[in-house]
N, C-alpha and C. Protein backbone atom coordinates (compact mmCIF):
# COMPACT_ATOMS: atom_id res chain seq x y z
N MET A 1 -46.20 77.70 20.60
CA MET A 1 -46.77 76.57 21.28
C MET A 1 -45.86 75.35 21.21
N ALA A 2 -45.04 75.28 20.18
CA ALA A 2 -44.10 74.18 20.08
C ALA A 2 -43.05 74.27 21.19
N GLY A 3 -42.67 75.49 21.53
CA GLY A 3 -41.72 75.67 22.63
C GLY A 3 -42.27 75.18 23.94
N ALA A 4 -43.55 75.43 24.19
CA ALA A 4 -44.18 74.95 25.42
C ALA A 4 -44.22 73.43 25.44
N LEU A 5 -44.50 72.82 24.31
CA LEU A 5 -44.53 71.36 24.23
C LEU A 5 -43.15 70.78 24.50
N VAL A 6 -42.13 71.35 23.90
CA VAL A 6 -40.77 70.84 24.06
C VAL A 6 -40.30 71.01 25.51
N THR A 7 -40.51 72.18 26.09
CA THR A 7 -40.05 72.39 27.47
C THR A 7 -40.83 71.50 28.44
N ALA A 8 -42.11 71.32 28.21
CA ALA A 8 -42.90 70.47 29.10
C ALA A 8 -42.41 69.02 29.04
N LEU A 9 -42.17 68.52 27.84
CA LEU A 9 -41.67 67.15 27.71
C LEU A 9 -40.29 66.99 28.33
N LEU A 10 -39.44 68.00 28.15
CA LEU A 10 -38.11 67.98 28.76
C LEU A 10 -38.21 67.93 30.28
N GLU A 11 -39.09 68.73 30.83
CA GLU A 11 -39.28 68.75 32.29
C GLU A 11 -39.84 67.43 32.80
N VAL A 12 -40.77 66.85 32.07
CA VAL A 12 -41.36 65.57 32.49
C VAL A 12 -40.30 64.48 32.53
N PHE A 13 -39.48 64.42 31.51
CA PHE A 13 -38.51 63.34 31.45
C PHE A 13 -37.27 63.59 32.29
N LEU A 14 -37.05 64.84 32.73
CA LEU A 14 -35.94 65.12 33.64
C LEU A 14 -36.35 65.03 35.11
N ALA A 15 -37.63 64.93 35.39
CA ALA A 15 -38.11 64.88 36.77
C ALA A 15 -37.52 63.71 37.57
N PRO A 16 -37.38 62.51 37.01
CA PRO A 16 -36.83 61.41 37.81
C PRO A 16 -35.30 61.36 37.86
N LEU A 17 -34.62 62.38 37.39
CA LEU A 17 -33.15 62.40 37.33
C LEU A 17 -32.56 62.28 38.73
N ARG A 18 -31.55 61.42 38.85
CA ARG A 18 -30.86 61.21 40.13
C ARG A 18 -29.36 61.19 39.91
N LEU A 19 -28.64 61.60 40.94
CA LEU A 19 -27.20 61.38 41.02
C LEU A 19 -27.00 60.45 42.21
N GLY A 20 -26.80 59.19 41.93
CA GLY A 20 -26.75 58.20 42.99
C GLY A 20 -28.14 58.01 43.57
N THR A 21 -28.30 58.33 44.84
CA THR A 21 -29.60 58.21 45.49
C THR A 21 -30.28 59.56 45.70
N VAL A 22 -29.62 60.63 45.26
CA VAL A 22 -30.14 61.99 45.48
C VAL A 22 -30.86 62.47 44.23
N ARG A 23 -32.07 62.98 44.40
CA ARG A 23 -32.82 63.55 43.27
C ARG A 23 -32.20 64.90 42.89
N VAL A 24 -32.07 65.11 41.59
CA VAL A 24 -31.55 66.37 41.08
C VAL A 24 -32.72 67.12 40.45
N PRO A 25 -33.17 68.20 41.08
CA PRO A 25 -34.38 68.89 40.60
C PRO A 25 -34.11 69.85 39.44
N VAL A 26 -33.53 69.34 38.38
CA VAL A 26 -33.24 70.16 37.20
C VAL A 26 -34.52 70.63 36.54
N SER A 27 -35.54 69.81 36.57
CA SER A 27 -36.80 70.18 35.92
C SER A 27 -37.46 71.38 36.59
N LEU A 28 -37.19 71.60 37.87
CA LEU A 28 -37.73 72.78 38.55
C LEU A 28 -37.16 74.06 37.95
N VAL A 29 -35.87 74.04 37.70
CA VAL A 29 -35.21 75.20 37.11
C VAL A 29 -35.72 75.44 35.69
N PHE A 30 -35.85 74.35 34.92
CA PHE A 30 -36.39 74.48 33.57
C PHE A 30 -37.81 75.01 33.58
N ALA A 31 -38.62 74.56 34.53
CA ALA A 31 -40.01 75.02 34.61
C ALA A 31 -40.07 76.51 34.94
N LEU A 32 -39.29 76.94 35.89
CA LEU A 32 -39.32 78.33 36.30
C LEU A 32 -38.76 79.26 35.22
N VAL A 33 -37.56 78.98 34.80
CA VAL A 33 -36.90 79.85 33.82
C VAL A 33 -37.53 79.69 32.43
N GLY A 34 -37.77 78.46 32.04
CA GLY A 34 -38.32 78.20 30.71
C GLY A 34 -39.69 78.82 30.49
N ASN A 35 -40.54 78.75 31.50
CA ASN A 35 -41.89 79.31 31.35
C ASN A 35 -41.87 80.83 31.36
N LEU A 36 -40.97 81.43 32.12
CA LEU A 36 -40.84 82.89 32.07
C LEU A 36 -40.34 83.33 30.69
N VAL A 37 -39.42 82.57 30.13
CA VAL A 37 -38.93 82.87 28.78
C VAL A 37 -40.05 82.68 27.75
N LEU A 38 -40.87 81.66 27.93
CA LEU A 38 -42.00 81.45 27.01
C LEU A 38 -42.98 82.62 27.05
N VAL A 39 -43.25 83.13 28.25
CA VAL A 39 -44.14 84.29 28.37
C VAL A 39 -43.54 85.49 27.65
N TRP A 40 -42.27 85.75 27.92
CA TRP A 40 -41.60 86.90 27.30
C TRP A 40 -41.57 86.73 25.78
N PHE A 41 -41.19 85.56 25.29
CA PHE A 41 -41.07 85.32 23.85
C PHE A 41 -42.42 85.45 23.15
N THR A 42 -43.45 84.87 23.74
CA THR A 42 -44.78 84.92 23.14
C THR A 42 -45.27 86.35 23.02
N TYR A 43 -45.06 87.13 24.06
CA TYR A 43 -45.50 88.53 24.01
C TYR A 43 -44.68 89.34 23.00
N ARG A 44 -43.37 89.10 22.96
CA ARG A 44 -42.52 89.84 22.02
C ARG A 44 -42.86 89.51 20.57
N VAL A 45 -43.18 88.26 20.30
CA VAL A 45 -43.48 87.85 18.92
C VAL A 45 -44.86 88.31 18.48
N THR A 46 -45.86 88.14 19.36
CA THR A 46 -47.23 88.46 18.97
C THR A 46 -47.64 89.89 19.30
N GLY A 47 -47.08 90.45 20.37
CA GLY A 47 -47.48 91.78 20.80
C GLY A 47 -48.82 91.80 21.52
N LYS A 48 -49.36 90.63 21.78
CA LYS A 48 -50.67 90.52 22.44
C LYS A 48 -50.51 89.81 23.78
N ARG A 49 -51.09 90.43 24.80
CA ARG A 49 -50.98 89.85 26.14
C ARG A 49 -51.76 88.55 26.26
N ALA A 50 -52.89 88.47 25.63
CA ALA A 50 -53.73 87.27 25.73
C ALA A 50 -53.08 86.05 25.09
N ALA A 51 -52.15 86.26 24.18
CA ALA A 51 -51.50 85.14 23.50
C ALA A 51 -50.64 84.32 24.45
N VAL A 52 -50.30 84.87 25.59
CA VAL A 52 -49.49 84.15 26.58
C VAL A 52 -50.24 82.93 27.11
N ALA A 53 -51.54 82.95 27.05
CA ALA A 53 -52.34 81.84 27.57
C ALA A 53 -52.16 80.57 26.72
N LEU A 54 -51.87 80.70 25.46
CA LEU A 54 -51.74 79.51 24.60
C LEU A 54 -50.60 78.59 25.01
N PRO A 55 -49.35 79.09 25.14
CA PRO A 55 -48.30 78.16 25.60
C PRO A 55 -48.54 77.66 27.02
N ALA A 56 -49.17 78.48 27.85
CA ALA A 56 -49.47 78.04 29.22
C ALA A 56 -50.43 76.86 29.20
N LEU A 57 -51.43 76.91 28.35
CA LEU A 57 -52.39 75.81 28.25
C LEU A 57 -51.76 74.55 27.68
N VAL A 58 -50.89 74.71 26.70
CA VAL A 58 -50.19 73.55 26.12
C VAL A 58 -49.31 72.90 27.19
N TRP A 59 -48.56 73.73 27.90
CA TRP A 59 -47.67 73.23 28.95
C TRP A 59 -48.46 72.49 30.03
N LEU A 60 -49.54 73.10 30.47
CA LEU A 60 -50.36 72.51 31.51
C LEU A 60 -51.02 71.20 31.05
N ALA A 61 -51.43 71.14 29.80
CA ALA A 61 -52.03 69.91 29.26
C ALA A 61 -51.02 68.76 29.29
N VAL A 62 -49.78 69.04 28.92
CA VAL A 62 -48.75 68.00 28.97
C VAL A 62 -48.52 67.54 30.41
N MET A 63 -48.49 68.49 31.33
CA MET A 63 -48.27 68.14 32.74
C MET A 63 -49.43 67.30 33.30
N VAL A 64 -50.64 67.64 32.93
CA VAL A 64 -51.80 66.87 33.40
C VAL A 64 -51.76 65.46 32.82
N LEU A 65 -51.45 65.35 31.55
CA LEU A 65 -51.35 64.02 30.93
C LEU A 65 -50.22 63.20 31.53
N ALA A 66 -49.12 63.84 31.87
CA ALA A 66 -48.00 63.13 32.47
C ALA A 66 -48.30 62.68 33.89
N SER A 67 -49.25 63.33 34.53
CA SER A 67 -49.59 62.99 35.92
C SER A 67 -50.52 61.79 36.02
N GLY A 68 -51.18 61.45 34.94
CA GLY A 68 -52.13 60.33 34.96
C GLY A 68 -51.51 59.05 34.45
N ARG A 69 -52.15 57.97 34.76
CA ARG A 69 -51.69 56.66 34.30
C ARG A 69 -52.16 56.39 32.87
N THR A 70 -51.35 55.65 32.14
CA THR A 70 -51.76 55.20 30.81
C THR A 70 -52.61 53.95 30.97
N THR A 71 -53.15 53.44 29.88
CA THR A 71 -53.96 52.22 29.95
C THR A 71 -53.12 51.02 30.38
N GLU A 72 -51.82 51.08 30.13
CA GLU A 72 -50.92 50.00 30.55
C GLU A 72 -50.50 50.14 32.01
N GLY A 73 -50.83 51.28 32.63
CA GLY A 73 -50.46 51.50 34.02
C GLY A 73 -49.18 52.28 34.21
N ASP A 74 -48.60 52.77 33.12
CA ASP A 74 -47.37 53.53 33.22
C ASP A 74 -47.66 54.91 33.81
N LEU A 75 -46.68 55.44 34.55
CA LEU A 75 -46.83 56.73 35.20
C LEU A 75 -45.51 57.49 35.10
N LEU A 76 -45.54 58.70 34.54
CA LEU A 76 -44.31 59.47 34.39
C LEU A 76 -43.94 60.20 35.68
N PHE A 77 -44.92 60.82 36.33
CA PHE A 77 -44.68 61.44 37.63
C PHE A 77 -45.10 60.45 38.70
N THR A 78 -44.15 59.75 39.27
CA THR A 78 -44.47 58.73 40.25
C THR A 78 -44.79 59.34 41.61
N GLY A 79 -45.44 58.56 42.45
CA GLY A 79 -45.86 59.04 43.76
C GLY A 79 -44.71 59.29 44.72
N ASP A 80 -43.59 58.60 44.54
CA ASP A 80 -42.46 58.79 45.45
C ASP A 80 -41.50 59.88 44.97
N ASN A 81 -41.84 60.58 43.92
CA ASN A 81 -40.98 61.61 43.35
C ASN A 81 -41.58 62.98 43.62
N TRP A 82 -41.00 63.72 44.55
CA TRP A 82 -41.50 65.05 44.89
C TRP A 82 -41.21 66.07 43.80
N VAL A 83 -40.30 65.78 42.90
CA VAL A 83 -39.90 66.75 41.88
C VAL A 83 -41.04 67.01 40.89
N GLY A 84 -41.83 66.00 40.57
CA GLY A 84 -42.92 66.16 39.61
C GLY A 84 -43.96 67.17 40.03
N PRO A 85 -44.58 67.00 41.20
CA PRO A 85 -45.59 67.98 41.63
C PRO A 85 -45.02 69.39 41.84
N VAL A 86 -43.79 69.45 42.33
CA VAL A 86 -43.18 70.78 42.54
C VAL A 86 -42.85 71.43 41.20
N THR A 87 -42.51 70.64 40.20
CA THR A 87 -42.29 71.18 38.86
C THR A 87 -43.58 71.79 38.32
N ILE A 88 -44.69 71.10 38.51
CA ILE A 88 -45.97 71.64 38.06
C ILE A 88 -46.29 72.94 38.80
N LEU A 89 -46.03 72.97 40.10
CA LEU A 89 -46.26 74.18 40.89
C LEU A 89 -45.39 75.33 40.41
N PHE A 90 -44.09 75.10 40.27
CA PHE A 90 -43.18 76.16 39.85
C PHE A 90 -43.50 76.66 38.44
N GLY A 91 -43.83 75.73 37.54
CA GLY A 91 -44.15 76.13 36.17
C GLY A 91 -45.42 76.97 36.10
N THR A 92 -46.42 76.58 36.87
CA THR A 92 -47.67 77.34 36.90
C THR A 92 -47.45 78.71 37.50
N VAL A 93 -46.67 78.78 38.57
CA VAL A 93 -46.37 80.07 39.20
C VAL A 93 -45.57 80.97 38.23
N ALA A 94 -44.67 80.38 37.47
CA ALA A 94 -43.89 81.16 36.51
C ALA A 94 -44.79 81.75 35.43
N PHE A 95 -45.72 80.96 34.91
CA PHE A 95 -46.65 81.50 33.92
C PHE A 95 -47.53 82.59 34.53
N ALA A 96 -48.00 82.35 35.74
CA ALA A 96 -48.87 83.34 36.40
C ALA A 96 -48.11 84.63 36.68
N ALA A 97 -46.88 84.53 37.15
CA ALA A 97 -46.09 85.73 37.44
C ALA A 97 -45.76 86.49 36.17
N GLY A 98 -45.42 85.77 35.11
CA GLY A 98 -45.13 86.43 33.84
C GLY A 98 -46.36 87.11 33.26
N ALA A 99 -47.50 86.46 33.33
CA ALA A 99 -48.74 87.06 32.82
C ALA A 99 -49.15 88.24 33.68
N TYR A 100 -48.99 88.13 34.99
CA TYR A 100 -49.32 89.25 35.88
C TYR A 100 -48.47 90.46 35.55
N ARG A 101 -47.19 90.22 35.30
CA ARG A 101 -46.27 91.32 34.97
C ARG A 101 -46.68 91.99 33.67
N LEU A 102 -47.21 91.24 32.73
CA LEU A 102 -47.66 91.83 31.46
C LEU A 102 -48.97 92.59 31.62
N ILE A 103 -49.88 92.05 32.44
CA ILE A 103 -51.20 92.65 32.56
C ILE A 103 -51.17 93.92 33.39
N VAL A 104 -50.46 93.88 34.51
CA VAL A 104 -50.38 95.05 35.39
C VAL A 104 -49.22 95.91 34.92
N PRO A 105 -49.52 97.14 34.52
CA PRO A 105 -48.43 98.00 34.04
C PRO A 105 -47.47 98.34 35.17
N GLY A 106 -46.20 98.40 34.83
CA GLY A 106 -45.18 98.72 35.82
C GLY A 106 -45.25 100.18 36.25
N ARG A 107 -44.84 100.42 37.48
CA ARG A 107 -44.80 101.79 37.97
C ARG A 107 -43.59 102.49 37.40
N GLN A 108 -43.78 103.71 37.00
CA GLN A 108 -42.66 104.48 36.48
C GLN A 108 -41.87 105.06 37.63
N ASP A 109 -40.59 105.11 37.45
CA ASP A 109 -39.72 105.66 38.47
C ASP A 109 -39.90 107.18 38.50
N ARG A 110 -40.10 107.75 39.68
CA ARG A 110 -40.33 109.20 39.81
C ARG A 110 -39.11 110.01 39.38
N SER A 111 -37.94 109.44 39.51
CA SER A 111 -36.72 110.18 39.15
C SER A 111 -36.58 110.33 37.64
N ARG A 112 -37.25 109.52 36.87
CA ARG A 112 -37.15 109.60 35.41
C ARG A 112 -38.09 110.65 34.83
N ARG A 113 -39.06 111.09 35.60
CA ARG A 113 -40.00 112.09 35.09
C ARG A 113 -39.30 113.43 34.97
N THR A 114 -39.68 114.17 33.94
CA THR A 114 -39.07 115.50 33.75
C THR A 114 -40.06 116.59 34.00
């Protein structure tokens, strides 16, 4: 769960990254690859498919909190930044795809059967 917290915070703070006037969507790559790695790592360490939901929930909680305003009015994912919402989309899809791959057993290749 600590890995999910660290990757989520990294993605939140990299979302506004720019090179000059161009947005650099580094957080999208981190969300996609990082969350797939979190799914794989969680399953390899615990051996339980249901355990994958824990880092997904931690990651999603950080993203939801980052999307809202603080009492001072601060906002991490601003309205003019398309990278924030797309990061949440990509990260959620990565968790869903990784969990789907774990839940649905893979088809065995017919050529490997003896």
